[in-house]
Protein backbone atom coordinates (compact mmCIF):
# COMPACT_ATOMS: atom_id res chain seq x y z
CA MET A 1 0.00 0.00 0.00
CA ILE A 2 1.08 3.55 -0.74
CA CYS A 3 0.57 5.67 2.37
CA ALA A 4 0.43 9.47 2.28
CA ALA A 5 2.02 10.80 5.48
CA ILE A 6 0.09 13.93 6.44
CA SER A 7 1.62 16.49 8.77
CA GLU A 8 -0.80 19.42 9.08
CA GLN A 9 -1.39 21.86 11.91
CA SER A 10 -5.20 21.68 11.95
CA THR A 11 -7.85 18.98 11.80
CA GLU A 12 -9.53 20.60 8.81
CA SER A 13 -6.38 20.82 6.69
CA ALA A 14 -5.38 17.26 7.66
CA ILE A 15 -8.76 15.92 6.52
CA ASP A 16 -8.67 17.93 3.27
CA THR A 17 -5.15 16.70 2.54
CA GLY A 18 -6.20 13.13 3.31
CA ILE A 19 -9.16 13.32 0.94
CA ASN A 20 -6.97 14.85 -1.77
CA SER A 21 -4.24 12.21 -1.28
CA ALA A 22 -6.80 9.43 -1.66
CA SER A 23 -8.07 11.01 -4.88
CA MET A 24 -4.50 11.03 -6.23
CA GLY A 25 -4.10 7.31 -5.57
CA ALA A 26 -2.97 6.86 -1.97
CA ASP A 27 -4.18 3.49 -0.64
CA ILE A 28 -3.91 4.58 2.97
CA VAL A 29 -3.08 7.80 4.87
CA GLU A 30 -1.16 8.50 8.05
CA ILE A 31 -2.27 11.44 10.18
CA ARG A 32 0.62 12.88 12.20
CA PHE A 33 -1.30 14.28 15.15
CA ASP A 34 1.91 15.43 16.84
CA SER A 35 2.10 18.16 14.17
CA MET A 36 -1.23 19.69 15.15
CA ILE A 37 -1.42 22.86 17.23
CA GLU A 38 -4.47 21.49 19.06
CA MET A 39 -5.65 17.89 19.33
CA PRO A 40 -9.03 17.26 17.64
CA GLN A 41 -12.03 16.75 19.90
CA ASP A 42 -14.00 14.68 17.40
CA LEU A 43 -12.00 11.90 15.72
CA ASP A 44 -15.10 10.77 13.82
CA LEU A 45 -14.45 13.68 11.43
CA PHE A 46 -11.62 11.66 9.93
CA LYS A 47 -14.13 9.13 8.59
CA LYS A 48 -14.57 11.60 5.71
CA ILE A 49 -11.32 10.18 4.33
CA SER A 50 -12.41 7.19 2.27
CA VAL A 51 -9.24 5.07 2.57
CA PRO A 52 -7.84 3.31 5.67
CA LYS A 53 -6.07 5.56 8.15
CA ILE A 54 -3.10 5.34 10.52
CA ALA A 55 -3.09 7.48 13.67
CA THR A 56 0.39 8.56 14.76
CA LEU A 57 1.30 10.70 17.77
CA ARG A 58 5.06 10.52 17.60
CA THR A 59 7.31 11.22 20.58
CA THR A 60 10.26 13.60 20.39
CA SER A 61 12.76 10.74 20.79
CA GLN A 62 11.42 9.23 17.57
CA GLY A 63 11.36 12.40 15.51
CA GLY A 64 7.92 13.69 16.55
CA LYS A 65 6.67 16.53 18.71
CA CYS A 66 4.73 14.80 21.48
CA LYS A 67 6.56 15.20 24.82
CA PHE A 68 4.37 13.14 27.13
CA ASP A 69 3.70 9.42 26.75
CA GLU A 70 0.87 9.45 29.29
CA GLU A 71 -1.40 11.69 27.25
CA ARG A 72 -1.23 9.29 24.32
CA LEU A 73 -3.00 6.36 26.02
CA ASP A 74 -6.44 7.98 26.08
CA PHE A 75 -5.89 9.32 22.58
CA PHE A 76 -5.12 5.89 21.07
CA LYS A 77 -8.10 4.37 22.85
CA LYS A 78 -10.32 6.97 21.19
CA CYS A 79 -8.92 6.01 17.80
CA SER A 80 -10.78 2.68 17.84
CA GLY A 81 -13.57 2.72 15.32
CA CYS A 82 -12.19 5.80 13.53
CA PHE A 83 -8.75 4.57 12.50
CA GLU A 84 -7.77 1.16 11.16
CA TYR A 85 -4.20 1.41 12.51
CA ILE A 86 -2.28 3.15 15.25
CA ASP A 87 1.50 3.59 15.16
CA ILE A 88 3.40 3.31 18.45
CA GLU A 89 7.16 3.45 18.99
CA ASP A 90 8.99 0.37 20.16
CA ASP A 91 10.47 2.20 23.17
CA SER A 92 7.04 3.16 24.52
CA LYS A 93 5.30 1.08 27.16
CA LEU A 94 2.15 1.51 25.07
CA SER A 95 3.63 -0.83 22.45
CA GLU A 96 2.93 -3.76 24.80
CA MET A 97 -0.79 -2.93 25.13
CA GLN A 98 -3.72 -4.13 23.08
CA PHE A 99 -6.16 -1.70 21.51
CA LYS A 100 -9.70 -2.70 20.61
CA ASP A 101 -10.73 -2.47 16.96
CA CYS A 102 -7.35 -1.06 15.89
CA LYS A 103 -4.41 -2.87 14.36
CA LYS A 104 -1.08 -1.89 15.84
CA ILE A 105 2.06 -0.83 13.99
CA VAL A 106 5.08 -0.89 16.27
CA SER A 107 7.88 1.22 14.86
CA PHE A 108 11.61 1.66 15.30
CA HIS A 109 13.63 4.55 13.85
CA ASP A 110 17.37 5.11 13.70
CA PHE A 111 18.04 8.57 12.29
CA SER A 112 21.82 8.24 12.31
CA LYS A 113 22.79 4.87 10.81
CA THR A 114 21.86 1.46 9.43
CA PRO A 115 22.88 -1.70 11.32
CA SER A 116 23.87 -5.04 9.78
CA ALA A 117 21.36 -7.24 7.98
CA ASN A 118 21.31 -9.66 10.92
CA GLU A 119 20.59 -6.84 13.34
CA ILE A 120 17.81 -5.53 11.10
CA LYS A 121 16.24 -8.99 11.03
CA GLU A 122 16.45 -9.20 14.82
CA ILE A 123 14.85 -5.77 15.20
CA ILE A 124 11.99 -6.68 12.84
CA ASN A 125 11.44 -10.05 14.52
CA ASN A 126 11.24 -8.43 17.97
CA LEU A 127 8.81 -5.81 16.70
CA GLN A 128 6.61 -8.49 15.17
CA LYS A 129 6.14 -10.16 18.57
CA LYS A 130 4.04 -7.24 19.79
CA SER A 131 2.55 -5.80 16.61
CA ASP A 132 0.26 -6.53 13.72
CA ILE A 133 2.79 -4.84 11.44
CA ALA A 134 6.44 -4.22 12.36
CA LYS A 135 8.01 -1.02 11.05
CA ALA A 136 11.74 -0.22 10.96
CA ALA A 137 13.37 2.80 9.33
CA PHE A 138 17.12 3.46 9.14
CA TYR A 139 19.20 6.34 7.83
CA VAL A 140 21.24 5.19 4.83
CA ARG A 141 24.73 6.73 4.80
CA SER A 142 26.36 4.57 2.13
CA ILE A 143 25.92 1.83 -0.45
CA SER A 144 26.92 -0.63 2.28
CA ASP A 145 24.01 0.56 4.43
CA LEU A 146 21.60 0.23 1.51
CA TYR A 147 22.94 -3.25 0.84
CA GLU A 148 22.31 -4.34 4.44
CA ILE A 149 18.66 -3.24 4.23
CA ILE A 150 18.10 -5.03 0.93
CA ILE A 151 19.81 -8.23 2.04
CA ALA A 152 17.83 -8.25 5.28
CA SER A 153 14.59 -7.92 3.31
CA GLN A 154 15.34 -11.13 1.43
CA HIS A 155 15.19 -13.12 4.68
CA LEU A 156 12.19 -11.58 6.43
CA GLU A 157 8.76 -13.13 6.84
CA GLY A 158 5.42 -11.95 8.13
CA ARG A 159 4.04 -8.42 7.96
CA TYR A 160 6.58 -5.61 8.08
CA ILE A 161 7.57 -2.20 6.75
CA LEU A 162 11.26 -1.64 5.98
CA ILE A 163 12.46 1.82 4.98
CA GLY A 164 15.78 3.46 4.15
CA MET A 165 15.84 7.17 4.95
CA GLY A 166 17.88 9.82 3.18
CA GLU A 167 18.77 10.28 -0.50
CA LEU A 168 20.41 6.86 -0.80
CA GLY A 169 17.38 5.27 0.85
CA GLU A 170 14.89 6.76 -1.60
CA ILE A 171 15.01 3.70 -3.83
CA THR A 172 13.73 1.52 -0.95
CA ARG A 173 10.55 3.59 -0.92
CA ILE A 174 10.02 3.04 -4.65
CA CYS A 175 10.96 -0.66 -4.58
CA TYR A 176 9.08 -1.41 -1.36
CA ASP A 177 7.22 -4.32 -2.93
CA ARG A 178 10.53 -5.95 -3.92
CA LEU A 179 11.63 -5.62 -0.30
CA GLY A 180 8.43 -7.26 0.90
CA SER A 181 7.26 -4.11 2.69
CA GLU A 182 3.54 -3.89 3.25
CA ILE A 183 3.45 -0.09 3.19
CA THR A 184 5.60 2.67 1.72
CA TYR A 185 5.25 6.26 2.88
CA VAL A 186 4.96 9.22 0.51
CA SER A 187 4.26 12.91 0.84
CA PRO A 188 0.88 14.30 -0.26
CA CYS A 189 2.77 16.62 -2.61
CA ILE A 190 6.25 18.00 -3.20
CA GLY A 191 7.29 20.12 -0.21
CA LYS A 192 5.17 18.22 2.32
CA GLU A 193 7.70 15.48 3.17
CA THR A 194 7.74 14.12 6.73
CA ALA A 195 11.01 12.17 6.37
CA PRO A 196 14.24 12.47 4.33
CA GLY A 197 14.06 10.67 0.97
CA GLN A 198 10.25 10.69 0.81
CA ILE A 199 8.70 11.32 -2.62
CA ASP A 200 5.19 12.51 -3.45
CA VAL A 201 2.20 10.27 -4.05
CA GLN A 202 1.71 11.15 -7.72
CA SER A 203 5.35 10.44 -8.58
CA LEU A 204 5.29 7.07 -6.83
CA LYS A 205 1.99 6.06 -8.44
CA LYS A 206 3.61 6.62 -11.84
CA LEU A 207 6.64 4.58 -10.83
CA SER A 208 4.75 1.75 -9.18
CA LYS A 209 4.32 -0.28 -12.38
CA ASP A 210 6.62 -1.02 -15.33
CA ASN A 211 9.26 1.37 -14.07
CA CYS A 212 12.73 1.96 -15.48
CA LEU A 213 15.11 2.60 -12.59
CA THR A 214 18.57 3.84 -13.49
CA GLY A 215 21.36 5.83 -11.88
CA ILE A 216 25.02 6.70 -11.67
CA ILE A 217 27.72 5.11 -9.53
CA GLY A 218 31.03 6.78 -8.79
CA ASN A 219 32.85 8.99 -6.32
CA PRO A 220 32.10 11.85 -6.27
CA VAL A 221 28.63 12.05 -7.85
CA ASN A 222 27.10 15.01 -6.02
CA HIS A 223 28.12 17.35 -8.86
CA SER A 224 26.60 15.13 -11.59
CA ARG A 225 24.03 16.63 -13.95
CA SER A 226 23.05 13.16 -15.17
CA PRO A 227 19.98 12.86 -12.90
CA ASP A 228 18.60 16.14 -14.30
CA MET A 229 19.19 15.05 -17.90
CA HIS A 230 17.83 11.52 -17.64
CA ASN A 231 14.81 12.43 -15.53
CA ALA A 232 13.95 15.15 -18.07
CA ALA A 233 14.23 12.56 -20.85
CA PHE A 234 11.94 10.17 -18.97
CA ARG A 235 9.33 12.93 -18.63
CA SER A 236 9.60 14.02 -22.25
CA LEU A 237 9.03 10.50 -23.56
CA GLY A 238 6.36 9.55 -21.03
CA ILE A 239 8.48 6.74 -19.57
CA ASN A 240 7.97 5.78 -15.92
CA GLY A 241 11.61 6.12 -14.97
CA ARG A 242 13.84 7.59 -12.29
CA TYR A 243 17.56 8.21 -12.10
CA PHE A 244 19.50 8.03 -8.81
CA ARG A 245 22.90 9.08 -7.50
CA PHE A 246 24.94 6.33 -5.82
CA LYS A 247 28.18 7.45 -4.21
CA CYS A 248 30.14 4.22 -4.23
CA GLU A 249 33.53 3.22 -2.86
CA GLU A 250 35.63 0.67 -4.72
CA ASP A 251 35.05 -2.01 -2.08
CA GLU A 252 31.29 -1.53 -2.52
CA LEU A 253 31.14 -2.39 -6.24
CA GLY A 254 30.14 -5.99 -5.55
CA LYS A 255 27.30 -4.70 -3.36
CA ILE A 256 25.95 -2.21 -5.90
CA VAL A 257 25.91 -4.99 -8.51
CA GLU A 258 23.75 -7.11 -6.19
CA ILE A 259 21.49 -4.14 -5.48
CA ILE A 260 20.94 -3.60 -9.21
CA LYS A 261 19.94 -7.24 -9.64
CA ILE A 262 17.72 -7.59 -6.56
CA LEU A 263 15.83 -4.35 -7.19
CA GLY A 264 15.53 -5.04 -10.91
CA MET A 265 17.14 -1.78 -11.95
CA ARG A 266 17.42 -1.35 -15.70
CA GLY A 267 20.97 -0.08 -15.59
CA VAL A 268 23.45 2.52 -14.36
CA ASN A 269 26.12 4.86 -15.60
CA VAL A 270 29.63 4.41 -14.23
CA THR A 271 31.90 7.38 -13.65
CA ILE A 272 35.29 8.00 -12.04
CA PRO A 273 37.03 6.15 -10.56
CA HIS A 274 35.26 2.84 -11.34
CA LYS A 275 35.13 2.59 -15.16
CA GLN A 276 37.78 -0.11 -15.30
CA THR A 277 37.38 -1.78 -11.91
CA ILE A 278 33.66 -2.44 -12.45
CA MET A 279 34.41 -4.72 -15.42
CA ALA A 280 35.41 -7.62 -13.15
CA TYR A 281 31.90 -7.65 -11.62
CA LEU A 282 29.94 -7.86 -14.87
CA ASP A 283 28.59 -10.90 -16.70
CA GLU A 284 29.31 -9.67 -20.20
CA LEU A 285 31.20 -6.93 -22.08
CA ASP A 286 30.15 -5.62 -25.49
CA GLU A 287 32.53 -4.62 -28.28
CA THR A 288 32.57 -0.94 -27.31
CA SER A 289 33.70 -1.67 -23.76
CA LYS A 290 36.28 -4.16 -24.99
CA ALA A 291 37.61 -1.59 -27.47
CA ALA A 292 37.91 1.06 -24.77
CA GLY A 293 38.96 -1.28 -22.00
CA ALA A 294 36.46 0.56 -19.80
CA VAL A 295 32.74 0.60 -19.00
CA ASN A 296 30.65 3.71 -18.44
CA CYS A 297 27.22 2.13 -18.83
CA ILE A 298 25.68 -1.09 -17.50
CA ILE A 299 22.48 -2.67 -18.74
CA ASN A 300 20.57 -5.27 -16.72
CA ASP A 301 19.07 -7.88 -19.00
CA GLY A 302 17.28 -10.54 -16.95
CA ASN A 303 19.76 -10.17 -14.05
CA SER A 304 22.69 -10.51 -16.44
CA LEU A 305 24.74 -7.33 -16.35
CA LYS A 306 26.37 -6.21 -19.58
CA GLY A 307 29.00 -3.47 -19.75
CA VAL A 308 29.00 -1.04 -22.66
CA ASN A 309 30.87 2.17 -23.42
CA THR A 310 28.96 5.20 -24.65
CA ASP A 311 31.87 7.55 -23.90
CA ILE A 312 33.35 6.67 -27.29
CA ALA A 313 30.20 7.95 -28.97
CA GLY A 314 30.31 10.96 -26.66
CA PHE A 315 33.77 11.94 -27.95
CA ARG A 316 32.85 11.15 -31.55
CA GLU A 317 29.66 13.21 -31.58
CA SER A 318 31.28 16.13 -29.71
CA PHE A 319 33.98 16.50 -32.37
CA LYS A 320 31.45 15.94 -35.15
CA ALA A 321 29.20 18.70 -33.79
CA VAL A 322 31.93 21.33 -34.22
CA GLY A 323 33.19 19.91 -37.52
CA ALA A 324 36.57 18.89 -36.13
CA SER A 325 38.31 16.04 -37.97
CA VAL A 326 40.88 13.87 -36.19
CA CYS A 327 42.14 11.94 -39.21
CA GLY A 328 45.93 12.16 -39.40
CA LYS A 329 46.05 14.74 -36.61
CA ASN A 330 48.73 14.71 -33.93
CA SER A 331 46.71 14.29 -30.74
CA LEU A 332 47.50 14.32 -27.03
CA ILE A 333 45.47 12.64 -24.31
CA ILE A 334 46.05 13.82 -20.75
CA GLY A 335 45.31 10.94 -18.40
CA ALA A 336 45.20 7.16 -18.59
CA GLY A 337 41.94 6.20 -16.87
CA GLY A 338 38.55 5.12 -18.19
CA ALA A 339 37.74 8.34 -20.06
CA ALA A 340 41.23 8.34 -21.59
CA ARG A 341 40.67 4.82 -22.86
CA ALA A 342 37.41 5.82 -24.55
CA CYS A 343 39.14 8.86 -26.06
CA ALA A 344 41.97 6.67 -27.34
CA ALA A 345 39.45 4.29 -28.91
CA PHE A 346 37.73 7.23 -30.65
CA LEU A 347 41.00 8.73 -31.90
CA SER A 348 42.19 5.31 -33.05
CA GLU A 349 39.06 4.65 -35.10
CA GLY A 350 39.51 8.14 -36.59
CA ARG A 351 43.11 7.31 -37.57
CA ALA A 352 44.71 10.03 -35.47
CA GLU A 353 48.28 9.90 -34.16
CA ILE A 354 48.01 9.29 -30.42
CA LYS A 355 50.30 10.59 -27.68
CA ILE A 356 49.53 10.12 -24.00
CA ILE A 357 50.83 11.88 -20.92
CA ASN A 358 49.96 10.85 -17.38
CA ARG A 359 51.16 11.51 -13.86
CA THR A 360 52.20 7.85 -13.68
CA LYS A 361 54.16 7.25 -16.88
CA GLU A 362 53.85 3.46 -16.66
CA LYS A 363 50.07 3.77 -17.07
CA ALA A 364 50.52 6.06 -20.04
CA GLU A 365 52.90 3.57 -21.63
CA ARG A 366 50.49 0.66 -21.15
CA LEU A 367 47.57 2.60 -22.63
CA ALA A 368 49.66 3.91 -25.53
CA LYS A 369 50.79 0.38 -26.38
CA GLU A 370 47.17 -0.83 -26.58
CA PHE A 371 46.32 1.85 -29.15
CA ASN A 372 49.58 2.01 -31.11
CA GLY A 373 50.42 5.34 -29.56
CA THR A 374 53.33 6.84 -27.68
CA ALA A 375 53.77 7.95 -24.09
CA VAL A 376 55.35 11.40 -23.74
CA ASP A 377 56.91 13.36 -20.89
CA SER A 378 55.97 16.91 -21.82
CA ILE A 379 53.43 19.02 -23.68
CA ASP A 380 54.80 20.99 -26.64
CA THR A 381 53.41 23.01 -29.53
CA ASP A 382 53.14 20.16 -32.02
CA PHE A 383 49.69 18.91 -31.06
CA ASP A 384 46.67 19.55 -33.26
CA ILE A 385 44.32 18.07 -30.66
CA ILE A 386 44.59 18.05 -26.87
CA VAL A 387 42.02 16.27 -24.70
CA ASN A 388 41.99 16.34 -20.91
CA CYS A 389 40.66 13.04 -19.60
CA THR A 390 41.51 13.53 -15.91
CA PRO A 391 39.25 14.96 -13.17
CA MET A 392 41.69 17.84 -12.67
CA GLY A 393 39.77 21.08 -12.99
CA MET A 394 36.48 19.46 -11.97
CA GLU A 395 34.65 20.95 -9.01
CA GLY A 396 36.35 19.51 -5.93
CA PHE A 397 39.63 18.68 -7.71
CA ASP A 398 42.87 20.64 -8.02
CA GLU A 399 43.90 21.89 -11.45
CA GLY A 400 47.15 19.94 -11.52
CA THR A 401 50.62 20.65 -12.86
CA PHE A 402 50.01 19.36 -16.40
CA PHE A 403 47.73 22.27 -17.18
CA GLN A 404 50.26 24.86 -16.11
CA ASN A 405 52.61 23.60 -18.82
CA CYS A 406 50.10 23.43 -21.67
CA ILE A 407 50.98 25.52 -24.73
CA PHE A 408 47.95 26.38 -26.85
CA HIS A 409 47.74 28.02 -30.28
CA LYS A 410 45.38 28.79 -33.13
CA GLU A 411 44.10 26.03 -35.43
CA GLN A 412 44.17 23.65 -32.47
CA THR A 413 41.18 21.78 -31.04
CA VAL A 414 41.17 21.45 -27.24
CA MET A 415 38.61 19.40 -25.34
CA ASP A 416 38.09 18.93 -21.62
CA ALA A 417 36.10 15.83 -20.67
CA VAL A 418 35.31 17.48 -17.33
CA PRO A 419 31.59 18.39 -17.51
CA VAL A 420 31.39 20.72 -14.47
CA PRO A 421 32.23 23.55 -14.65
CA GLU A 422 31.21 23.85 -18.27
CA ILE A 423 34.20 26.03 -19.21
CA THR A 424 37.18 25.04 -17.10
CA LYS A 425 40.31 27.13 -16.58
CA PHE A 426 42.02 24.69 -18.97
CA LEU A 427 39.55 25.61 -21.73
CA GLU A 428 39.66 29.32 -20.81
CA ARG A 429 43.40 29.43 -21.44
CA ALA A 430 43.09 27.46 -24.68
CA GLU A 431 40.35 29.79 -25.94
CA LYS A 432 42.40 32.90 -25.12
CA CYS A 433 45.21 31.48 -27.25
CA GLY A 434 42.83 31.11 -30.21
CA ALA A 435 42.17 27.38 -30.01
CA ASP A 436 38.76 25.90 -30.77
CA VAL A 437 37.39 24.41 -27.55
CA ILE A 438 34.92 21.62 -26.80
CA SER A 439 33.32 21.42 -23.36
CA GLY A 440 32.82 18.18 -21.47
CA ARG A 441 29.19 19.27 -21.36
CA GLU A 442 28.80 18.07 -24.95
CA MET A 443 30.42 14.71 -24.32
CA LEU A 444 28.25 14.16 -21.25
CA ILE A 445 25.08 14.89 -23.20
CA TYR A 446 25.98 12.73 -26.20
CA GLN A 447 27.05 9.73 -24.10
CA ALA A 448 23.86 10.13 -22.05
CA LEU A 449 21.71 10.03 -25.19
CA ASP A 450 23.26 6.67 -26.12
CA ALA A 451 23.01 5.33 -22.57
CA PHE A 452 19.32 6.26 -22.39
CA LYS A 453 18.66 4.46 -25.67
CA THR A 454 20.57 1.43 -24.38
CA TRP A 455 18.22 1.19 -21.39
CA THR A 456 14.89 2.17 -22.96
CA GLY A 457 15.17 1.65 -26.72
CA CYS A 458 14.24 5.32 -27.13
CA LYS A 459 16.59 8.20 -27.90
CA PRO A 460 15.46 11.61 -26.61
CA ASP A 461 16.11 14.83 -28.48
CA TYR A 462 19.45 16.48 -27.79
CA SER A 463 17.57 19.65 -26.81
CA ILE A 464 15.84 17.88 -23.90
CA MET A 465 19.04 16.83 -22.19
CA SER A 466 20.85 20.03 -23.14
CA LYS A 467 18.18 22.18 -21.51
CA ALA A 468 18.14 19.98 -18.39
CA TYR A 469 21.92 20.23 -18.12
CA GLY A 470 21.78 24.01 -18.26
CA GLU A 471 21.94 26.61 -20.96
CA LYS A 472 25.11 26.95 -23.01
CA ARG A 473 27.44 29.83 -22.35
């Protein structure tokens, strides 16, 4: 059931919001009485709401505003006959009592962390001993926390509600049925959330069937414009989809792969620093990822994860858009990671001469050997094309010493694969010297168009993602 959590200051507005939520598709509503300025004298008024109702009078220790446990006993007794459920915290003595004509939800909240899967199971099992429905909500700080919640859900029985709070926990609210949760909580509308990570009833109703869940994994991802672009594309094409950010450490890659499979996600993008490391966790690699030796996009096909590389197309289309040819050109790649590999694959197919410079020369030499290129120690004036494929210059990263030594000139094409900021200091200097510049913004949009088509079979207009990214300079 989809439950609209209603936190209004008056009885009248709570009832109106409840009626409206039911009309928008909520299966059940929760009235947060601890948010009201004055407690209602006539609970029968809430019978105007046509769907089942949960009465909650949350204590301060559990995130509510009710300071006194004693005053709640009479209140919950009065709820019988008017409300189908009452919600009582596990740490309250009232959780041990029986209430006539009302089913009891006994809840546990941890607003700071998520315990292990075994501890979650123990918490749920203990709650079930004194409730009709056990409810446990935990704040999700990391992919590891999310993993513990999802793994715990695969071993639970009986009636329960299991929720991950916070941005990383949002997907548990959407995939509640796959976690076996009886109820998921939503806001009546955007701006009326009662918990972190809660989405509105209309959005969840759209996502509840035949959804296409996607996202991005990497570190960092907070700067990424990908959610804006992909969610705009979903809306423009009328696809029930949603795109998430997953900040992921290297030792969590195995866990995110399991999460994708268990929740039935359609796929994810992969960004720095995992484009190469992720390959060991996948079931299959297509020709583009093999050519690049890196994966920036994963598609889930019946729980078989295939790695592809749309970065190559991102480079290709970015150069094509400005009419820049690479054939026979003397080109320099700065960096030797996943983006550099895709760039090398693009330049190789375009028959460019490839030079590579990297902070660790051994990595540059290995990459250059794979693409019949040469590793170099310095940046001189001979290059027709220079492409930065490192995160240096990205928001949150230092500019680096390579850039200080770059010598730019006219009739040169300079690209920075860094998407944010749109015009980096690297590109500013190149442009001042008369070089033609290509922003990482373009590459990000073009690779995203291909990734979206990989997941959905539909390719949105460039203008949709471009507008969502932000207007050009």
